[in-house]
Amino acid sequence: MISPLRRTLAVLPLVLLPLGAAAACGGEGAQTDCNLNSCTVTFDRGVDASASILGVKAELVSVQGQNVTMKVAGQQITVPVGEGEQADGFNVTVQSVTQENVVVKISNGGGG
C-alpha cells in the first residue's frame, strides 16, 4: 500500500506543472508562444511592451523603419527585420514589423 505522503509527493509535481508553465512566459503589451528552447513574442507597438521568457525579460524599446531596438536580459540590441543578433546567450530574430506589432523569436544558444 502507498503511504499518503508518497502519494502526495508523486502528485505534487503534476499539480504544480501548470503553475510553472504559466510563470515561464508572459508579458505586458505582448503575447508569447513558448516551447522548451524558444519563444515567439508579439509586442504591441505604442505601449511599454515587455515579456518574461526563458528566464529573462525582453522589452521592445523602439522601431526605426526596419530596425527594431530591444533589451534582452538587460542587453540592448538593434536587429533589422528578417535578421538576427545575439544577446546574453540568446538568438534574437525579428520576424516582422507592422503598424500594430513587432514579432520576434528568441531562442537559447547564442554566444555570450
PDB file of N, CA and C in Angstrom:
ATOM      1  N   MET A   1       0.843  -1.175   0.000  1.00  0.00           N
ATOM      2  CA  MET A   1       0.000   0.000   0.000  1.00  0.00           C
ATOM      3  C   MET A   1       0.895   1.247   0.000  1.00  0.00           C
ATOM      4  N   ILE A   2       0.507   2.266  -0.771  1.00  0.00           N
ATOM      5  CA  ILE A   2       1.284   3.503  -0.877  1.00  0.00           C
ATOM      6  C   ILE A   2       0.853   4.439   0.249  1.00  0.00           C
ATOM      7  N   SER A   3       1.841   4.987   0.922  1.00  0.00           N
ATOM      8  CA  SER A   3       1.528   5.897   2.027  1.00  0.00           C
ATOM      9  C   SER A   3       0.956   7.208   1.478  1.00  0.00           C
ATOM     10  N   PRO A   4       0.125   7.896   2.274  1.00  0.00           N
ATOM     11  CA  PRO A   4      -0.429   9.186   1.830  1.00  0.00           C
ATOM     12  C   PRO A   4       0.665  10.197   1.494  1.00  0.00           C
ATOM     13  N   LEU A   5       1.776  10.178   2.218  1.00  0.00           N
ATOM     14  CA  LEU A   5       2.863  11.114   1.947  1.00  0.00           C
ATOM     15  C   LEU A   5       3.490  10.831   0.585  1.00  0.00           C
ATOM     16  N   ARG A   6       3.748   9.577   0.265  1.00  0.00           N
ATOM     17  CA  ARG A   6       4.324   9.231  -1.038  1.00  0.00           C
ATOM     18  C   ARG A   6       3.369   9.593  -2.164  1.00  0.00           C
ATOM     19  N   ARG A   7       2.088   9.381  -1.965  1.00  0.00           N
ATOM     20  CA  ARG A   7       1.104   9.729  -2.986  1.00  0.00           C
ATOM     21  C   ARG A   7       1.092  11.239  -3.213  1.00  0.00           C
ATOM     22  N   THR A   8       1.134  12.005  -2.132  1.00  0.00           N
ATOM     23  CA  THR A   8       1.146  13.462  -2.241  1.00  0.00           C
ATOM     24  C   THR A   8       2.395  13.933  -2.979  1.00  0.00           C
ATOM     25  N   LEU A   9       3.548  13.367  -2.638  1.00  0.00           N
ATOM     26  CA  LEU A   9       4.794  13.756  -3.291  1.00  0.00           C
ATOM     27  C   LEU A   9       4.799  13.376  -4.771  1.00  0.00           C
ATOM     28  N   ALA A  10       4.144  12.280  -5.108  1.00  0.00           N
ATOM     29  CA  ALA A  10       4.073  11.859  -6.507  1.00  0.00           C
ATOM     30  C   ALA A  10       3.147  12.761  -7.317  1.00  0.00           C
ATOM     31  N   VAL A  11       2.078  13.234  -6.721  1.00  0.00           N
ATOM     32  CA  VAL A  11       1.090  14.048  -7.424  1.00  0.00           C
ATOM     33  C   VAL A  11       1.483  15.525  -7.452  1.00  0.00           C
ATOM     34  N   LEU A  12       2.235  15.977  -6.482  1.00  0.00           N
ATOM     35  CA  LEU A  12       2.575  17.399  -6.356  1.00  0.00           C
ATOM     36  C   LEU A  12       3.188  17.993  -7.621  1.00  0.00           C
ATOM     37  N   PRO A  13       4.179  17.359  -8.263  1.00  0.00           N
ATOM     38  CA  PRO A  13       4.719  17.950  -9.490  1.00  0.00           C
ATOM     39  C   PRO A  13       3.681  18.120 -10.586  1.00  0.00           C
ATOM     40  N   LEU A  14       2.742  17.199 -10.695  1.00  0.00           N
ATOM     41  CA  LEU A  14       1.698  17.306 -11.704  1.00  0.00           C
ATOM     42  C   LEU A  14       0.750  18.469 -11.420  1.00  0.00           C
ATOM     43  N   VAL A  15       0.510  18.730 -10.152  1.00  0.00           N
ATOM     44  CA  VAL A  15      -0.358  19.839  -9.771  1.00  0.00           C
ATOM     45  C   VAL A  15       0.344  21.166 -10.026  1.00  0.00           C
ATOM     46  N   LEU A  16       1.641  21.231  -9.753  1.00  0.00           N
ATOM     47  CA  LEU A  16       2.387  22.476  -9.902  1.00  0.00           C
ATOM     48  C   LEU A  16       2.803  22.761 -11.336  1.00  0.00           C
ATOM     49  N   LEU A  17       2.787  21.770 -12.220  1.00  0.00           N
ATOM     50  CA  LEU A  17       3.222  21.938 -13.589  1.00  0.00           C
ATOM     51  C   LEU A  17       2.511  23.088 -14.308  1.00  0.00           C
ATOM     52  N   PRO A  18       1.192  23.194 -14.262  1.00  0.00           N
ATOM     53  CA  PRO A  18       0.554  24.321 -14.937  1.00  0.00           C
ATOM     54  C   PRO A  18       0.975  25.666 -14.354  1.00  0.00           C
ATOM     55  N   LEU A  19       1.230  25.732 -13.075  1.00  0.00           N
ATOM     56  CA  LEU A  19       1.661  26.988 -12.467  1.00  0.00           C
ATOM     57  C   LEU A  19       3.037  27.371 -12.969  1.00  0.00           C
ATOM     58  N   GLY A  20       3.930  26.415 -13.095  1.00  0.00           N
ATOM     59  CA  GLY A  20       5.266  26.677 -13.612  1.00  0.00           C
ATOM     60  C   GLY A  20       5.228  27.103 -15.060  1.00  0.00           C
ATOM     61  N   ALA A  21       4.399  26.468 -15.849  1.00  0.00           N
ATOM     62  CA  ALA A  21       4.279  26.830 -17.256  1.00  0.00           C
ATOM     63  C   ALA A  21       3.718  28.235 -17.403  1.00  0.00           C
ATOM     64  N   ALA A  22       2.757  28.590 -16.573  1.00  0.00           N
ATOM     65  CA  ALA A  22       2.177  29.930 -16.645  1.00  0.00           C
ATOM     66  C   ALA A  22       3.187  30.977 -16.226  1.00  0.00           C
ATOM     67  N   ALA A  23       4.051  30.662 -15.298  1.00  0.00           N
ATOM     68  CA  ALA A  23       5.045  31.619 -14.840  1.00  0.00           C
ATOM     69  C   ALA A  23       6.235  31.691 -15.778  1.00  0.00           C
ATOM     70  N   ALA A  24       6.392  30.706 -16.669  1.00  0.00           N
ATOM     71  CA  ALA A  24       7.560  30.644 -17.531  1.00  0.00           C
ATOM     72  C   ALA A  24       7.569  31.741 -18.589  1.00  0.00           C
ATOM     73  N   CYS A  25       6.418  32.145 -19.071  1.00  0.00           N
ATOM     74  CA  CYS A  25       6.398  33.227 -20.043  1.00  0.00           C
ATOM     75  C   CYS A  25       5.094  34.001 -19.912  1.00  0.00           C
ATOM     76  N   GLY A  26       5.192  35.253 -20.197  1.00  0.00           N
ATOM     77  CA  GLY A  26       4.043  36.129 -20.138  1.00  0.00           C
ATOM     78  C   GLY A  26       4.520  37.547 -20.305  1.00  0.00           C
ATOM     79  N   GLY A  27       3.587  38.463 -20.497  1.00  0.00           N
ATOM     80  CA  GLY A  27       4.045  39.819 -20.722  1.00  0.00           C
ATOM     81  C   GLY A  27       2.990  40.871 -20.555  1.00  0.00           C
ATOM     82  N   GLU A  28       3.465  42.094 -20.678  1.00  0.00           N
ATOM     83  CA  GLU A  28       2.622  43.269 -20.611  1.00  0.00           C
ATOM     84  C   GLU A  28       2.716  43.948 -21.970  1.00  0.00           C
ATOM     85  N   GLY A  29       1.614  44.021 -22.690  1.00  0.00           N
ATOM     86  CA  GLY A  29       1.646  44.571 -24.039  1.00  0.00           C
ATOM     87  C   GLY A  29       2.287  43.617 -25.019  1.00  0.00           C
ATOM     88  N   ALA A  30       2.296  42.319 -24.669  1.00  0.00           N
ATOM     89  CA  ALA A  30       2.914  41.314 -25.530  1.00  0.00           C
ATOM     90  C   ALA A  30       2.219  39.977 -25.351  1.00  0.00           C
ATOM     91  N   GLN A  31       2.211  39.186 -26.420  1.00  0.00           N
ATOM     92  CA  GLN A  31       1.702  37.830 -26.365  1.00  0.00           C
ATOM     93  C   GLN A  31       2.881  36.903 -26.637  1.00  0.00           C
ATOM     94  N   THR A  32       2.916  35.772 -25.945  1.00  0.00           N
ATOM     95  CA  THR A  32       4.034  34.850 -26.103  1.00  0.00           C
ATOM     96  C   THR A  32       3.550  33.470 -26.519  1.00  0.00           C
ATOM     97  N   ASP A  33       4.396  32.783 -27.267  1.00  0.00           N
ATOM     98  CA  ASP A  33       4.169  31.395 -27.656  1.00  0.00           C
ATOM     99  C   ASP A  33       5.503  30.691 -27.459  1.00  0.00           C
ATOM    100  N   CYS A  34       5.622  29.931 -26.374  1.00  0.00           N
ATOM    101  CA  CYS A  34       6.909  29.359 -25.990  1.00  0.00           C
ATOM    102  C   CYS A  34       6.912  27.840 -26.040  1.00  0.00           C
ATOM    103  N   ASN A  35       8.106  27.291 -26.311  1.00  0.00           N
ATOM    104  CA  ASN A  35       8.357  25.876 -26.120  1.00  0.00           C
ATOM    105  C   ASN A  35       9.587  25.770 -25.232  1.00  0.00           C
ATOM    106  N   LEU A  36      10.208  24.647 -25.176  1.00  0.00           N
ATOM    107  CA  LEU A  36      11.315  24.426 -24.248  1.00  0.00           C
ATOM    108  C   LEU A  36      12.506  25.338 -24.507  1.00  0.00           C
ATOM    109  N   ASN A  37      12.841  25.612 -25.770  1.00  0.00           N
ATOM    110  CA  ASN A  37      14.060  26.345 -26.100  1.00  0.00           C
ATOM    111  C   ASN A  37      13.863  27.692 -26.766  1.00  0.00           C
ATOM    112  N   SER A  38      12.625  28.058 -27.102  1.00  0.00           N
ATOM    113  CA  SER A  38      12.428  29.329 -27.792  1.00  0.00           C
ATOM    114  C   SER A  38      11.035  29.888 -27.526  1.00  0.00           C
ATOM    115  N   CYS A  39      10.919  31.184 -27.782  1.00  0.00           N
ATOM    116  CA  CYS A  39       9.629  31.864 -27.664  1.00  0.00           C
ATOM    117  C   CYS A  39       9.459  32.799 -28.851  1.00  0.00           C
ATOM    118  N   THR A  40       8.255  32.847 -29.367  1.00  0.00           N
ATOM    119  CA  THR A  40       7.890  33.869 -30.331  1.00  0.00           C
ATOM    120  C   THR A  40       7.064  34.886 -29.562  1.00  0.00           C
ATOM    121  N   VAL A  41       7.516  36.135 -29.595  1.00  0.00           N
ATOM    122  CA  VAL A  41       6.863  37.199 -28.839  1.00  0.00           C
ATOM    123  C   VAL A  41       6.300  38.208 -29.814  1.00  0.00           C
ATOM    124  N   THR A  42       5.007  38.527 -29.659  1.00  0.00           N
ATOM    125  CA  THR A  42       4.374  39.570 -30.452  1.00  0.00           C
ATOM    126  C   THR A  42       4.185  40.770 -29.543  1.00  0.00           C
ATOM    127  N   PHE A  43       5.006  41.803 -29.766  1.00  0.00           N
ATOM    128  CA  PHE A  43       4.940  43.030 -28.974  1.00  0.00           C
ATOM    129  C   PHE A  43       3.951  43.994 -29.605  1.00  0.00           C
ATOM    130  N   ASP A  44       3.082  44.580 -28.797  1.00  0.00           N
ATOM    131  CA  ASP A  44       2.206  45.640 -29.270  1.00  0.00           C
ATOM    132  C   ASP A  44       3.033  46.910 -29.411  1.00  0.00           C
ATOM    133  N   ARG A  45       2.807  47.662 -30.478  1.00  0.00           N
ATOM    134  CA  ARG A  45       3.508  48.931 -30.649  1.00  0.00           C
ATOM    135  C   ARG A  45       2.714  50.051 -29.992  1.00  0.00           C
ATOM    136  N   GLY A  46       3.411  51.091 -29.560  1.00  0.00           N
ATOM    137  CA  GLY A  46       2.755  52.241 -28.966  1.00  0.00           C
ATOM    138  C   GLY A  46       2.505  52.120 -27.476  1.00  0.00           C
ATOM    139  N   VAL A  47       2.984  51.051 -26.861  1.00  0.00           N
ATOM    140  CA  VAL A  47       2.845  50.861 -25.416  1.00  0.00           C
ATOM    141  C   VAL A  47       4.194  50.388 -24.877  1.00  0.00           C
ATOM    142  N   ASP A  48       4.364  50.418 -23.566  1.00  0.00           N
ATOM    143  CA  ASP A  48       5.548  49.837 -22.948  1.00  0.00           C
ATOM    144  C   ASP A  48       5.366  48.327 -22.961  1.00  0.00           C
ATOM    145  N   ALA A  49       5.950  47.664 -23.944  1.00  0.00           N
ATOM    146  CA  ALA A  49       5.738  46.235 -24.122  1.00  0.00           C
ATOM    147  C   ALA A  49       6.951  45.458 -23.633  1.00  0.00           C
ATOM    148  N   SER A  50       6.679  44.423 -22.823  1.00  0.00           N
ATOM    149  CA  SER A  50       7.752  43.552 -22.342  1.00  0.00           C
ATOM    150  C   SER A  50       7.175  42.165 -22.083  1.00  0.00           C
ATOM    151  N   ALA A  51       8.091  41.196 -22.016  1.00  0.00           N
ATOM    152  CA  ALA A  51       7.683  39.821 -21.741  1.00  0.00           C
ATOM    153  C   ALA A  51       8.780  39.140 -20.942  1.00  0.00           C
ATOM    154  N   SER A  52       8.364  38.288 -20.023  1.00  0.00           N
ATOM    155  CA  SER A  52       9.302  37.436 -19.295  1.00  0.00           C
ATOM    156  C   SER A  52       9.299  36.076 -19.966  1.00  0.00           C
ATOM    157  N   ILE A  53      10.435  35.741 -20.589  1.00  0.00           N
ATOM    158  CA  ILE A  53      10.519  34.493 -21.347  1.00  0.00           C
ATOM    159  C   ILE A  53      11.863  33.834 -21.099  1.00  0.00           C
ATOM    160  N   LEU A  54      11.871  32.516 -21.045  1.00  0.00           N
ATOM    161  CA  LEU A  54      13.099  31.744 -20.906  1.00  0.00           C
ATOM    162  C   LEU A  54      13.962  32.234 -19.743  1.00  0.00           C
ATOM    163  N   GLY A  55      13.308  32.752 -18.712  1.00  0.00           N
ATOM    164  CA  GLY A  55      14.019  33.194 -17.517  1.00  0.00           C
ATOM    165  C   GLY A  55      14.589  34.594 -17.588  1.00  0.00           C
ATOM    166  N   VAL A  56      14.302  35.346 -18.656  1.00  0.00           N
ATOM    167  CA  VAL A  56      14.801  36.711 -18.792  1.00  0.00           C
ATOM    168  C   VAL A  56      13.675  37.643 -19.223  1.00  0.00           C
ATOM    169  N   LYS A  57      13.939  38.935 -19.121  1.00  0.00           N
ATOM    170  CA  LYS A  57      12.974  39.934 -19.567  1.00  0.00           C
ATOM    171  C   LYS A  57      13.375  40.436 -20.950  1.00  0.00           C
ATOM    172  N   ALA A  58      12.406  40.499 -21.855  1.00  0.00           N
ATOM    173  CA  ALA A  58      12.602  41.058 -23.193  1.00  0.00           C
ATOM    174  C   ALA A  58      11.694  42.266 -23.320  1.00  0.00           C
ATOM    175  N   GLU A  59      12.251  43.396 -23.754  1.00  0.00           N
ATOM    176  CA  GLU A  59      11.487  44.638 -23.873  1.00  0.00           C
ATOM    177  C   GLU A  59      11.645  45.224 -25.266  1.00  0.00           C
ATOM    178  N   LEU A  60      10.547  45.723 -25.810  1.00  0.00           N
ATOM    179  CA  LEU A  60      10.594  46.475 -27.059  1.00  0.00           C
ATOM    180  C   LEU A  60      10.926  47.914 -26.701  1.00  0.00           C
ATOM    181  N   VAL A  61      12.051  48.429 -27.231  1.00  0.00           N
ATOM    182  CA  VAL A  61      12.479  49.795 -26.930  1.00  0.00           C
ATOM    183  C   VAL A  61      11.979  50.755 -27.990  1.00  0.00           C
ATOM    184  N   SER A  62      12.274  50.450 -29.273  1.00  0.00           N
ATOM    185  CA  SER A  62      11.836  51.341 -30.347  1.00  0.00           C
ATOM    186  C   SER A  62      11.891  50.632 -31.688  1.00  0.00           C
ATOM    187  N   VAL A  63      11.216  51.237 -32.673  1.00  0.00           N
ATOM    188  CA  VAL A  63      11.268  50.767 -34.052  1.00  0.00           C
ATOM    189  C   VAL A  63      11.579  51.981 -34.917  1.00  0.00           C
ATOM    190  N   GLN A  64      12.658  51.882 -35.693  1.00  0.00           N
ATOM    191  CA  GLN A  64      13.059  52.933 -36.629  1.00  0.00           C
ATOM    192  C   GLN A  64      13.099  52.315 -38.016  1.00  0.00           C
ATOM    193  N   GLY A  65      12.051  52.506 -38.797  1.00  0.00           N
ATOM    194  CA  GLY A  65      11.988  51.885 -40.119  1.00  0.00           C
ATOM    195  C   GLY A  65      11.955  50.376 -39.982  1.00  0.00           C
ATOM    196  N   GLN A  66      12.994  49.711 -40.513  1.00  0.00           N
ATOM    197  CA  GLN A  66      13.078  48.251 -40.461  1.00  0.00           C
ATOM    198  C   GLN A  66      14.011  47.758 -39.354  1.00  0.00           C
ATOM    199  N   ASN A  67      14.430  48.661 -38.460  1.00  0.00           N
ATOM    200  CA  ASN A  67      15.318  48.292 -37.357  1.00  0.00           C
ATOM    201  C   ASN A  67      14.566  48.321 -36.032  1.00  0.00           C
ATOM    202  N   VAL A  68      14.670  47.211 -35.303  1.00  0.00           N
ATOM    203  CA  VAL A  68      13.992  47.071 -34.011  1.00  0.00           C
ATOM    204  C   VAL A  68      15.042  47.084 -32.909  1.00  0.00           C
ATOM    205  N   THR A  69      14.864  47.983 -31.938  1.00  0.00           N
ATOM    206  CA  THR A  69      15.753  48.035 -30.786  1.00  0.00           C
ATOM    207  C   THR A  69      15.025  47.423 -29.604  1.00  0.00           C
ATOM    208  N   MET A  70      15.707  46.471 -28.955  1.00  0.00           N
ATOM    209  CA  MET A  70      15.132  45.754 -27.824  1.00  0.00           C
ATOM    210  C   MET A  70      16.169  45.623 -26.728  1.00  0.00           C
ATOM    211  N   LYS A  71      15.671  45.290 -25.539  1.00  0.00           N
ATOM    212  CA  LYS A  71      16.531  44.871 -24.442  1.00  0.00           C
ATOM    213  C   LYS A  71      16.178  43.421 -24.146  1.00  0.00           C
ATOM    214  N   VAL A  72      17.207  42.569 -24.117  1.00  0.00           N
ATOM    215  CA  VAL A  72      17.039  41.169 -23.762  1.00  0.00           C
ATOM    216  C   VAL A  72      18.024  40.884 -22.645  1.00  0.00           C
ATOM    217  N   ALA A  73      17.504  40.496 -21.490  1.00  0.00           N
ATOM    218  CA  ALA A  73      18.333  40.235 -20.307  1.00  0.00           C
ATOM    219  C   ALA A  73      19.198  41.450 -19.980  1.00  0.00           C
ATOM    220  N   GLY A  74      18.651  42.649 -20.183  1.00  0.00           N
ATOM    221  CA  GLY A  74      19.356  43.878 -19.848  1.00  0.00           C
ATOM    222  C   GLY A  74      20.305  44.379 -20.919  1.00  0.00           C
ATOM    223  N   GLN A  75      20.538  43.588 -21.971  1.00  0.00           N
ATOM    224  CA  GLN A  75      21.446  43.993 -23.044  1.00  0.00           C
ATOM    225  C   GLN A  75      20.642  44.588 -24.191  1.00  0.00           C
ATOM    226  N   GLN A  76      20.975  45.826 -24.595  1.00  0.00           N
ATOM    227  CA  GLN A  76      20.248  46.479 -25.676  1.00  0.00           C
ATOM    228  C   GLN A  76      20.879  46.107 -27.015  1.00  0.00           C
ATOM    229  N   ILE A  77      20.033  45.715 -27.961  1.00  0.00           N
ATOM    230  CA  ILE A  77      20.484  45.356 -29.305  1.00  0.00           C
ATOM    231  C   ILE A  77      19.537  45.963 -30.327  1.00  0.00           C
ATOM    232  N   THR A  78      20.045  46.180 -31.545  1.00  0.00           N
ATOM    233  CA  THR A  78      19.221  46.619 -32.662  1.00  0.00           C
ATOM    234  C   THR A  78      19.301  45.546 -33.739  1.00  0.00           C
ATOM    235  N   VAL A  79      18.127  45.086 -34.191  1.00  0.00           N
ATOM    236  CA  VAL A  79      18.046  43.970 -35.130  1.00  0.00           C
ATOM    237  C   VAL A  79      17.194  44.388 -36.328  1.00  0.00           C
ATOM    238  N   PRO A  80      17.743  44.307 -37.547  1.00  0.00           N
ATOM    239  CA  PRO A  80      16.929  44.574 -38.737  1.00  0.00           C
ATOM    240  C   PRO A  80      15.896  43.461 -38.953  1.00  0.00           C
ATOM    241  N   VAL A  81      14.767  43.798 -39.551  1.00  0.00           N
ATOM    242  CA  VAL A  81      13.731  42.810 -39.844  1.00  0.00           C
ATOM    243  C   VAL A  81      14.317  41.721 -40.740  1.00  0.00           C
ATOM    244  N   GLY A  82      14.025  40.463 -40.396  1.00  0.00           N
ATOM    245  CA  GLY A  82      14.498  39.328 -41.164  1.00  0.00           C
ATOM    246  C   GLY A  82      15.904  38.877 -40.796  1.00  0.00           C
ATOM    247  N   GLU A  83      16.529  39.560 -39.865  1.00  0.00           N
ATOM    248  CA  GLU A  83      17.878  39.196 -39.454  1.00  0.00           C
ATOM    249  C   GLU A  83      17.904  38.868 -37.967  1.00  0.00           C
ATOM    250  N   GLY A  84      19.072  38.457 -37.494  1.00  0.00           N
ATOM    251  CA  GLY A  84      19.204  38.073 -36.101  1.00  0.00           C
ATOM    252  C   GLY A  84      20.453  38.654 -35.467  1.00  0.00           C
ATOM    253  N   GLU A  85      20.428  38.729 -34.168  1.00  0.00           N
ATOM    254  CA  GLU A  85      21.556  39.171 -33.350  1.00  0.00           C
ATOM    255  C   GLU A  85      21.602  38.285 -32.124  1.00  0.00           C
ATOM    256  N   GLN A  86      22.696  38.398 -31.373  1.00  0.00           N
ATOM    257  CA  GLN A  86      22.808  37.649 -30.129  1.00  0.00           C
ATOM    258  C   GLN A  86      22.850  38.611 -28.954  1.00  0.00           C
ATOM    259  N   ALA A  87      22.211  38.201 -27.868  1.00  0.00           N
ATOM    260  CA  ALA A  87      22.196  38.992 -26.633  1.00  0.00           C
ATOM    261  C   ALA A  87      22.232  38.049 -25.447  1.00  0.00           C
ATOM    262  N   ASP A  88      23.284  38.120 -24.667  1.00  0.00           N
ATOM    263  CA  ASP A  88      23.403  37.376 -23.419  1.00  0.00           C
ATOM    264  C   ASP A  88      23.061  35.888 -23.561  1.00  0.00           C
ATOM    265  N   GLY A  89      23.586  35.261 -24.624  1.00  0.00           N
ATOM    266  CA  GLY A  89      23.358  33.828 -24.809  1.00  0.00           C
ATOM    267  C   GLY A  89      22.062  33.469 -25.514  1.00  0.00           C
ATOM    268  N   PHE A  90      21.368  34.452 -26.062  1.00  0.00           N
ATOM    269  CA  PHE A  90      20.114  34.206 -26.767  1.00  0.00           C
ATOM    270  C   PHE A  90      20.228  34.683 -28.207  1.00  0.00           C
ATOM    271  N   ASN A  91      19.629  33.927 -29.117  1.00  0.00           N
ATOM    272  CA  ASN A  91      19.491  34.355 -30.504  1.00  0.00           C
ATOM    273  C   ASN A  91      18.181  35.137 -30.606  1.00  0.00           C
ATOM    274  N   VAL A  92      18.240  36.331 -31.188  1.00  0.00           N
ATOM    275  CA  VAL A  92      17.072  37.194 -31.320  1.00  0.00           C
ATOM    276  C   VAL A  92      16.876  37.486 -32.801  1.00  0.00           C
ATOM    277  N   THR A  93      15.727  37.084 -33.348  1.00  0.00           N
ATOM    278  CA  THR A  93      15.424  37.300 -34.757  1.00  0.00           C
ATOM    279  C   THR A  93      14.116  38.064 -34.876  1.00  0.00           C
ATOM    280  N   VAL A  94      14.130  39.169 -35.617  1.00  0.00           N
ATOM    281  CA  VAL A  94      12.907  39.931 -35.868  1.00  0.00           C
ATOM    282  C   VAL A  94      12.231  39.325 -37.084  1.00  0.00           C
ATOM    283  N   GLN A  95      11.021  38.811 -36.893  1.00  0.00           N
ATOM    284  CA  GLN A  95      10.301  38.147 -37.973  1.00  0.00           C
ATOM    285  C   GLN A  95       9.459  39.111 -38.796  1.00  0.00           C
ATOM    286  N   SER A  96       8.825  40.092 -38.137  1.00  0.00           N
ATOM    287  CA  SER A  96       8.012  41.053 -38.889  1.00  0.00           C
ATOM    288  C   SER A  96       7.754  42.311 -38.060  1.00  0.00           C
ATOM    289  N   VAL A  97       7.485  43.390 -38.784  1.00  0.00           N
ATOM    290  CA  VAL A  97       7.113  44.664 -38.166  1.00  0.00           C
ATOM    291  C   VAL A  97       5.915  45.213 -38.928  1.00  0.00           C
ATOM    292  N   THR A  98       4.840  45.532 -38.202  1.00  0.00           N
ATOM    293  CA  THR A  98       3.676  46.193 -38.789  1.00  0.00           C
ATOM    294  C   THR A  98       3.384  47.445 -37.968  1.00  0.00           C
ATOM    295  N   GLN A  99       2.378  48.203 -38.365  1.00  0.00           N
ATOM    296  CA  GLN A  99       1.990  49.373 -37.593  1.00  0.00           C
ATOM    297  C   GLN A  99       1.460  48.993 -36.222  1.00  0.00           C
ATOM    298  N   GLU A 100       0.918  47.773 -36.087  1.00  0.00           N
ATOM    299  CA  GLU A 100       0.307  47.340 -34.832  1.00  0.00           C
ATOM    300  C   GLU A 100       1.255  46.572 -33.918  1.00  0.00           C
ATOM    301  N   ASN A 101       2.205  45.779 -34.509  1.00  0.00           N
ATOM    302  CA  ASN A 101       3.035  44.947 -33.642  1.00  0.00           C
ATOM    303  C   ASN A 101       4.383  44.600 -34.259  1.00  0.00           C
ATOM    304  N   VAL A 102       5.217  44.002 -33.412  1.00  0.00           N
ATOM    305  CA  VAL A 102       6.538  43.514 -33.804  1.00  0.00           C
ATOM    306  C   VAL A 102       6.627  42.058 -33.341  1.00  0.00           C
ATOM    307  N   VAL A 103       6.980  41.158 -34.254  1.00  0.00           N
ATOM    308  CA  VAL A 103       7.088  39.735 -33.922  1.00  0.00           C
ATOM    309  C   VAL A 103       8.567  39.353 -33.900  1.00  0.00           C
ATOM    310  N   VAL A 104       8.988  38.800 -32.750  1.00  0.00           N
ATOM    311  CA  VAL A 104      10.389  38.454 -32.523  1.00  0.00           C
ATOM    312  C   VAL A 104      10.475  37.020 -32.019  1.00  0.00           C
ATOM    313  N   LYS A 105      11.467  36.268 -32.515  1.00  0.00           N
ATOM    314  CA  LYS A 105      11.726  34.928 -31.989  1.00  0.00           C
ATOM    315  C   LYS A 105      13.013  34.997 -31.170  1.00  0.00           C
ATOM    316  N   ILE A 106      12.936  34.510 -29.953  1.00  0.00           N
ATOM    317  CA  ILE A 106      14.082  34.496 -29.037  1.00  0.00           C
ATOM    318  C   ILE A 106      14.321  33.045 -28.648  1.00  0.00           C
ATOM    319  N   SER A 107      15.567  32.599 -28.844  1.00  0.00           N
ATOM    320  CA  SER A 107      15.874  31.209 -28.537  1.00  0.00           C
ATOM    321  C   SER A 107      17.208  31.088 -27.821  1.00  0.00           C
ATOM    322  N   ASN A 108      17.360  30.005 -27.060  1.00  0.00           N
ATOM    323  CA  ASN A 108      18.624  29.708 -26.379  1.00  0.00           C
ATOM    324  C   ASN A 108      19.672  29.372 -27.427  1.00  0.00           C
ATOM    325  N   GLY A 109      20.935  29.601 -27.054  1.00  0.00           N
ATOM    326  CA  GLY A 109      22.005  29.087 -27.896  1.00  0.00           C
ATOM    327  C   GLY A 109      22.914  30.103 -28.526  1.00  0.00           C
ATOM    328  N   GLY A 110      22.712  31.389 -28.262  1.00  0.00           N
ATOM    329  CA  GLY A 110      23.626  32.377 -28.818  1.00  0.00           C
ATOM    330  C   GLY A 110      24.916  32.428 -28.037  1.00  0.00           C
ATOM    331  N   GLY A 111      25.876  33.101 -28.568  1.00  0.00           N
ATOM    332  CA  GLY A 111      27.142  33.287 -27.857  1.00  0.00           C
ATOM    333  C   GLY A 111      26.963  34.255 -26.712  1.00  0.00           C
ATOM    334  N   GLY A 112      27.803  34.176 -25.696  1.00  0.00           N
ATOM    335  CA  GLY A 112      27.637  35.023 -24.543  1.00  0.00           C
ATOM    336  C   GLY A 112      28.602  36.098 -24.532  1.00  0.00           C
TER     337      GLY A 112
END
